[in-house]
């Protein structure tokens, strides 16, 4: 006897729907599993877009100077420009971005040569030249009188730009910034010897590089790490050239020698246990700001060199308080 024909209509419809959902779920699992195995970059892109939408950002592009800049933009209110560091890209700000776009107009570019922004073969991408390019970007988008936030190498670039164009900067925030004098640590010794800790050829090398930057290394699936490794290898020549440029004396102290030219409110934010830019750089910053109308400092625990990723809530709170106070 065919029991299916004797079931009530609602049961038959329910069973059909459950079968359809089961088939759909199986297909999704197959597609996701296949993507993870053979095209993990697609899943990474999907994850990034989810974070971008969550932060209410849009991806845009503009030609400014010699560079086609690709950047995220969103939110309303006073403007904040977020400048990333060495061997990084605009996505390092996505954890903190939704906490900022709720109150501010936020602009997050890929620096020239990095991420999706264009790169000119043979051109110099040291601090001074990048600061000039940042000026092109800010002038093109009419972002004068914004809070400029620079992290690590981006701090030296943002600080150099602010020192050369103080009339165009409302406030400056330096996050674990390069370009300052600090107590030599293991990272500095390795870097100055000519070995770049941020190049890697495999998953183990990726883990070592992340151990320099994070107190707690993020748990990233292996196939996603492979995408980062391929990108690092693909861009190795540019990374090496820029790294060697930054080892020059004029670059190591590029911000230190300009501190007396900063005439806007300045915030210095550091992770207490930064293994890359030792926290002693914060004292060099404070003592060198002879003409800043106000100097704010914040020291965070529980992070290493990436407070915007490791402590996004605390990071946003400090930045917001600084912004509103000025």
Protein backbone atom coordinates (compact mmCIF):
# COMPACT_ATOMS: atom_id res chain seq x y z
CA UNK A 1 0.00 0.00 0.00
CA UNK A 2 1.36 3.44 -0.91
CA UNK A 3 1.28 5.32 2.41
CA UNK A 4 2.38 8.59 0.83
CA UNK A 5 -0.95 8.95 -0.96
CA UNK A 6 -2.82 8.52 2.30
CA UNK A 7 -0.89 11.30 4.10
CA UNK A 8 -2.63 14.63 4.54
CA UNK A 9 -1.76 17.27 1.97
CA UNK A 10 0.13 19.39 4.51
CA UNK A 11 2.40 16.45 5.36
CA UNK A 12 3.16 15.77 1.70
CA UNK A 13 3.98 19.45 1.11
CA UNK A 14 6.16 19.51 4.22
CA UNK A 15 8.09 16.42 3.12
CA UNK A 16 8.65 17.91 -0.34
CA UNK A 17 9.91 21.13 1.19
CA UNK A 18 12.24 19.27 3.54
CA UNK A 19 13.61 17.22 0.64
CA UNK A 20 14.18 20.41 -1.35
CA UNK A 21 15.94 22.06 1.59
CA UNK A 22 18.05 18.95 2.11
CA UNK A 23 19.14 18.92 -1.54
CA UNK A 24 19.83 22.67 -1.38
CA UNK A 25 21.89 22.26 1.79
CA UNK A 26 23.89 19.45 0.18
CA UNK A 27 24.59 21.60 -2.87
CA UNK A 28 25.72 24.50 -0.68
CA UNK A 29 28.05 22.18 1.23
CA UNK A 30 29.49 20.83 -2.02
CA UNK A 31 29.94 24.34 -3.47
CA UNK A 32 31.49 25.73 -0.30
CA UNK A 33 33.70 22.69 0.13
CA UNK A 34 34.82 22.91 -3.48
CA UNK A 35 35.45 26.62 -3.19
CA UNK A 36 37.49 26.16 -0.03
CA UNK A 37 39.56 23.43 -1.65
CA UNK A 38 40.04 24.90 -5.13
CA UNK A 39 39.16 28.62 -4.97
CA UNK A 40 39.54 29.82 -1.36
CA UNK A 41 40.03 33.38 -2.63
CA UNK A 42 36.30 33.44 -3.49
CA UNK A 43 35.34 32.68 0.09
CA UNK A 44 37.80 35.30 1.36
CA UNK A 45 36.26 37.86 -0.98
CA UNK A 46 32.78 36.94 0.22
CA UNK A 47 33.90 37.32 3.84
CA UNK A 48 35.42 40.72 3.08
CA UNK A 49 32.29 41.95 1.36
CA UNK A 50 30.20 40.86 4.32
CA UNK A 51 32.42 42.93 6.62
CA UNK A 52 32.31 45.88 4.21
CA UNK A 53 28.50 45.82 4.13
CA UNK A 54 28.32 45.41 7.89
CA UNK A 55 30.44 48.55 8.25
CA UNK A 56 28.17 50.41 5.79
CA UNK A 57 31.08 51.09 3.48
CA UNK A 58 31.29 51.31 -0.31
CA UNK A 59 34.33 50.54 -2.42
CA UNK A 60 35.37 53.38 -4.72
CA UNK A 61 38.31 54.41 -6.88
CA UNK A 62 39.85 57.71 -7.94
CA UNK A 63 42.89 58.86 -9.89
CA UNK A 64 45.01 61.16 -7.74
CA UNK A 65 48.51 62.08 -8.86
CA UNK A 66 50.31 59.05 -10.27
CA UNK A 67 48.04 56.55 -8.51
CA UNK A 68 44.66 54.98 -9.04
CA UNK A 69 43.53 54.81 -5.42
CA UNK A 70 41.02 52.18 -4.32
CA UNK A 71 39.32 52.95 -1.04
CA UNK A 72 36.33 52.31 1.22
CA UNK A 73 34.06 55.16 2.23
CA UNK A 74 30.98 55.38 4.43
CA UNK A 75 29.25 57.06 7.34
CA UNK A 76 28.38 60.68 8.04
CA UNK A 77 29.86 63.30 10.33
CA UNK A 78 33.41 64.58 10.86
CA UNK A 79 35.90 62.89 8.54
CA UNK A 80 38.43 60.25 9.59
CA UNK A 81 41.06 58.94 7.16
CA UNK A 82 42.61 55.58 8.17
CA UNK A 83 46.08 54.80 6.76
CA UNK A 84 47.37 51.21 6.97
CA UNK A 85 50.92 49.97 7.54
CA UNK A 86 53.63 47.95 5.78
CA UNK A 87 52.62 44.78 3.92
CA UNK A 88 48.99 45.49 4.81
CA UNK A 89 45.93 46.84 3.06
CA UNK A 90 42.67 48.66 3.76
CA UNK A 91 40.97 45.52 5.08
CA UNK A 92 42.95 45.67 8.37
CA UNK A 93 40.49 48.39 9.46
CA UNK A 94 37.28 46.42 8.85
CA UNK A 95 36.88 45.20 12.44
CA UNK A 96 36.88 48.74 13.80
CA UNK A 97 35.13 50.40 10.84
CA UNK A 98 31.49 49.68 11.89
CA UNK A 99 32.20 51.26 15.27
CA UNK A 100 33.32 54.46 13.51
CA UNK A 101 30.89 54.80 10.59
CA UNK A 102 28.03 55.03 13.09
CA UNK A 103 29.30 58.50 14.04
CA UNK A 104 31.85 59.61 11.44
CA UNK A 105 32.54 59.89 7.73
CA UNK A 106 35.27 57.26 7.28
CA UNK A 107 37.68 56.94 4.35
CA UNK A 108 39.98 53.89 4.19
CA UNK A 109 42.41 53.78 1.23
CA UNK A 110 44.85 51.21 0.00
CA UNK A 111 48.16 53.07 -0.01
CA UNK A 112 49.80 53.39 -3.44
CA UNK A 113 51.51 50.13 -4.36
CA UNK A 114 49.55 48.10 -1.82
CA UNK A 115 46.27 46.23 -2.00
CA UNK A 116 44.17 47.24 -4.99
CA UNK A 117 45.75 50.67 -5.55
CA UNK A 118 48.06 50.99 -8.54
CA UNK A 119 51.83 50.59 -8.53
CA UNK A 120 54.34 52.25 -10.85
CA UNK A 121 57.38 50.11 -11.75
CA UNK A 122 60.62 51.72 -10.67
CA UNK A 123 58.96 54.39 -8.53
CA UNK A 124 59.94 55.02 -4.90
CA UNK A 125 57.40 54.18 -2.20
CA UNK A 126 59.29 55.46 0.81
CA UNK A 127 57.71 57.61 3.54
CA UNK A 128 58.36 60.96 1.86
CA UNK A 129 56.96 59.95 -1.52
CA UNK A 130 53.95 58.24 0.02
CA UNK A 131 53.22 61.38 2.06
CA UNK A 132 53.22 63.38 -1.18
CA UNK A 133 50.84 60.86 -2.73
CA UNK A 134 48.60 61.01 0.35
CA UNK A 135 48.40 64.77 -0.17
CA UNK A 136 47.28 64.16 -3.77
CA UNK A 137 44.54 61.83 -2.52
CA UNK A 138 43.31 64.20 0.19
CA UNK A 139 43.28 67.18 -2.16
CA UNK A 140 41.45 65.24 -4.87
CA UNK A 141 38.69 64.08 -2.50
CA UNK A 142 38.60 67.39 -0.58
CA UNK A 143 39.36 65.69 2.74
CA UNK A 144 41.14 68.65 4.29
CA UNK A 145 40.57 69.29 8.00
CA UNK A 146 40.04 65.61 8.79
CA UNK A 147 41.44 63.43 11.54
CA UNK A 148 44.29 61.51 9.91
CA UNK A 149 45.00 58.15 11.57
CA UNK A 150 48.18 56.29 10.66
CA UNK A 151 49.22 52.83 11.83
CA UNK A 152 52.85 51.61 11.83
CA UNK A 153 54.37 52.64 8.47
CA UNK A 154 51.11 54.48 7.84
CA UNK A 155 51.80 56.49 10.99
CA UNK A 156 55.07 57.78 9.57
CA UNK A 157 53.32 58.60 6.28
CA UNK A 158 50.39 60.34 8.00
CA UNK A 159 52.74 62.22 10.36
CA UNK A 160 55.01 63.35 7.54
CA UNK A 161 52.01 64.51 5.53
CA UNK A 162 50.65 66.41 8.56
CA UNK A 163 54.04 68.03 9.22
CA UNK A 164 54.30 69.26 5.63
CA UNK A 165 50.64 70.33 5.34
CA UNK A 166 49.57 71.27 8.89
CA UNK A 167 46.90 73.67 7.64
CA UNK A 168 45.02 70.74 6.08
CA UNK A 169 44.94 68.45 9.13
CA UNK A 170 42.47 68.91 11.99
CA UNK A 171 43.91 66.18 14.23
CA UNK A 172 46.54 63.46 13.94
CA UNK A 173 46.47 60.01 15.54
CA UNK A 174 49.61 57.86 15.46
CA UNK A 175 49.08 54.16 16.20
CA UNK A 176 52.18 52.08 17.05
CA UNK A 177 53.91 54.35 14.56
CA UNK A 178 57.08 53.81 12.58
CA UNK A 179 59.48 56.72 12.08
CA UNK A 180 60.23 57.41 15.75
CA UNK A 181 63.21 56.67 17.92
CA UNK A 182 62.70 53.70 20.23
CA UNK A 183 64.60 51.17 22.27
CA UNK A 184 66.08 48.58 19.92
CA UNK A 185 64.23 45.29 20.18
CA UNK A 186 64.57 41.88 18.52
CA UNK A 187 62.41 42.92 15.57
CA UNK A 188 64.49 46.04 14.91
CA UNK A 189 67.73 44.07 15.07
CA UNK A 190 66.42 41.53 12.58
CA UNK A 191 65.02 44.21 10.27
CA UNK A 192 68.16 46.36 10.31
CA UNK A 193 70.27 43.31 9.55
CA UNK A 194 68.41 43.12 6.26
CA UNK A 195 65.99 40.28 7.03
CA UNK A 196 62.36 41.17 6.41
CA UNK A 197 60.17 39.36 8.99
CA UNK A 198 57.10 40.01 6.83
CA UNK A 199 57.98 37.83 3.85
CA UNK A 200 57.07 34.16 3.83
CA UNK A 201 56.76 31.23 1.43
CA UNK A 202 54.57 28.80 3.36
CA UNK A 203 52.12 28.45 6.24
CA UNK A 204 54.89 28.22 8.83
CA UNK A 205 56.38 31.49 7.61
CA UNK A 206 52.95 33.12 7.72
CA UNK A 207 52.58 32.00 11.34
CA UNK A 208 55.99 33.45 12.25
CA UNK A 209 55.12 36.79 10.64
CA UNK A 210 51.81 36.95 12.48
CA UNK A 211 53.50 36.12 15.78
CA UNK A 212 55.44 39.38 15.43
CA UNK A 213 52.24 41.40 15.01
CA UNK A 214 49.60 39.74 17.20
CA UNK A 215 49.51 38.85 20.88
CA UNK A 216 47.07 36.08 20.01
CA UNK A 217 47.57 34.92 16.43
CA UNK A 218 44.20 34.72 14.62
CA UNK A 219 42.95 31.23 13.86
CA UNK A 220 42.81 31.25 10.04
CA UNK A 221 41.89 28.17 7.95
CA UNK A 222 44.82 26.68 6.09
CA UNK A 223 43.53 27.27 2.57
CA UNK A 224 42.95 30.94 3.41
CA UNK A 225 46.55 31.16 4.59
CA UNK A 226 47.60 29.74 1.23
CA UNK A 227 45.94 32.73 -0.47
CA UNK A 228 47.94 35.13 1.72
CA UNK A 229 51.14 33.20 0.97
CA UNK A 230 50.53 33.37 -2.79
CA UNK A 231 49.88 37.12 -2.53
CA UNK A 232 53.08 37.63 -0.53
CA UNK A 233 55.15 35.69 -3.06
CA UNK A 234 53.51 37.51 -5.98
CA UNK A 235 54.40 40.90 -4.48
CA UNK A 236 57.81 39.88 -3.11
CA UNK A 237 59.89 42.22 -5.27
CA UNK A 238 57.83 45.25 -4.25
CA UNK A 239 57.83 44.24 -0.58
CA UNK A 240 61.61 43.76 -0.62
CA UNK A 241 62.26 47.06 -2.39
CA UNK A 242 60.04 49.03 -0.02
CA UNK A 243 61.49 47.27 3.01
CA UNK A 244 65.02 48.21 1.94
CA UNK A 245 63.94 51.82 1.37
CA UNK A 246 62.52 51.98 4.90
CA UNK A 247 65.81 50.77 6.40
CA UNK A 248 67.55 53.99 5.36
CA UNK A 249 68.37 56.39 8.22
CA UNK A 250 66.23 59.16 6.74
CA UNK A 251 63.25 56.81 6.83
CA UNK A 252 63.80 55.21 10.23
CA UNK A 253 63.52 58.66 11.84
CA UNK A 254 61.31 60.24 9.17
CA UNK A 255 58.70 61.30 11.73
CA UNK A 256 61.03 62.02 14.63
CA UNK A 257 62.77 64.81 12.70
CA UNK A 258 59.45 66.47 11.88
CA UNK A 259 57.67 66.39 15.24
CA UNK A 260 58.26 70.07 15.90
CA UNK A 261 56.31 70.87 12.72
CA UNK A 262 53.10 69.26 14.02
CA UNK A 263 50.79 72.07 15.08
CA UNK A 264 47.53 70.16 15.50
CA UNK A 265 46.23 68.02 18.41
CA UNK A 266 48.08 64.68 18.40
CA UNK A 267 47.10 61.31 19.83
CA UNK A 268 49.67 58.56 20.38
CA UNK A 269 48.14 55.10 20.87
CA UNK A 270 50.32 52.06 21.62
CA UNK A 271 49.96 48.46 22.64
CA UNK A 272 52.01 48.04 25.81
CA UNK A 273 53.70 44.88 24.55
CA UNK A 274 54.34 45.89 20.94
CA UNK A 275 57.11 43.63 19.60
CA UNK A 276 57.61 45.65 16.41
CA UNK A 277 57.65 49.31 17.47
CA UNK A 278 58.66 49.32 21.13
CA UNK A 279 56.49 51.43 23.43
CA UNK A 280 59.50 53.65 24.18
CA UNK A 281 58.61 55.34 20.87
CA UNK A 282 55.64 56.90 22.66
CA UNK A 283 57.96 58.87 24.94
CA UNK A 284 59.96 60.02 21.89
CA UNK A 285 56.69 61.24 20.41
CA UNK A 286 55.64 63.11 23.54
CA UNK A 287 59.00 64.79 24.07
CA UNK A 288 59.30 65.87 20.44
CA UNK A 289 55.90 67.57 20.09
CA UNK A 290 57.02 71.10 20.84
CA UNK A 291 54.19 72.94 19.09
CA UNK A 292 51.17 70.62 19.28
CA UNK A 293 48.36 72.45 21.15
CA UNK A 294 47.41 69.21 22.94
CA UNK A 295 48.98 65.79 23.32
CA UNK A 296 46.94 62.70 24.22
CA UNK A 297 48.32 59.23 24.84
CA UNK A 298 46.70 55.85 25.31
CA UNK A 299 48.39 52.57 26.22
CA UNK A 300 46.47 49.34 25.64
CA UNK A 301 46.98 45.94 27.21
CA UNK A 302 46.07 42.65 25.60
CA UNK A 303 47.42 43.51 22.15
CA UNK A 304 50.71 43.60 20.29
CA UNK A 305 51.06 45.67 17.12
CA UNK A 306 47.50 45.58 15.74
CA UNK A 307 45.15 47.25 18.26
CA UNK A 308 42.54 48.00 15.59
CA UNK A 309 42.18 44.24 15.03
CA UNK A 310 42.88 42.88 18.51
CA UNK A 311 41.04 45.56 20.53
CA UNK A 312 38.58 47.20 18.09
CA UNK A 313 36.09 48.37 20.74
CA UNK A 314 38.76 49.99 22.94
CA UNK A 315 40.47 51.40 19.85
CA UNK A 316 37.23 53.02 18.62
CA UNK A 317 36.47 54.40 22.07
CA UNK A 318 39.86 56.11 22.40
CA UNK A 319 39.70 57.50 18.86
CA UNK A 320 36.14 58.74 19.31
CA UNK A 321 36.95 60.45 22.60
CA UNK A 322 39.96 62.16 21.03
CA UNK A 323 37.94 63.24 18.02
CA UNK A 324 35.08 64.68 20.08
CA UNK A 325 37.44 66.47 22.48
CA UNK A 326 38.88 68.53 19.62
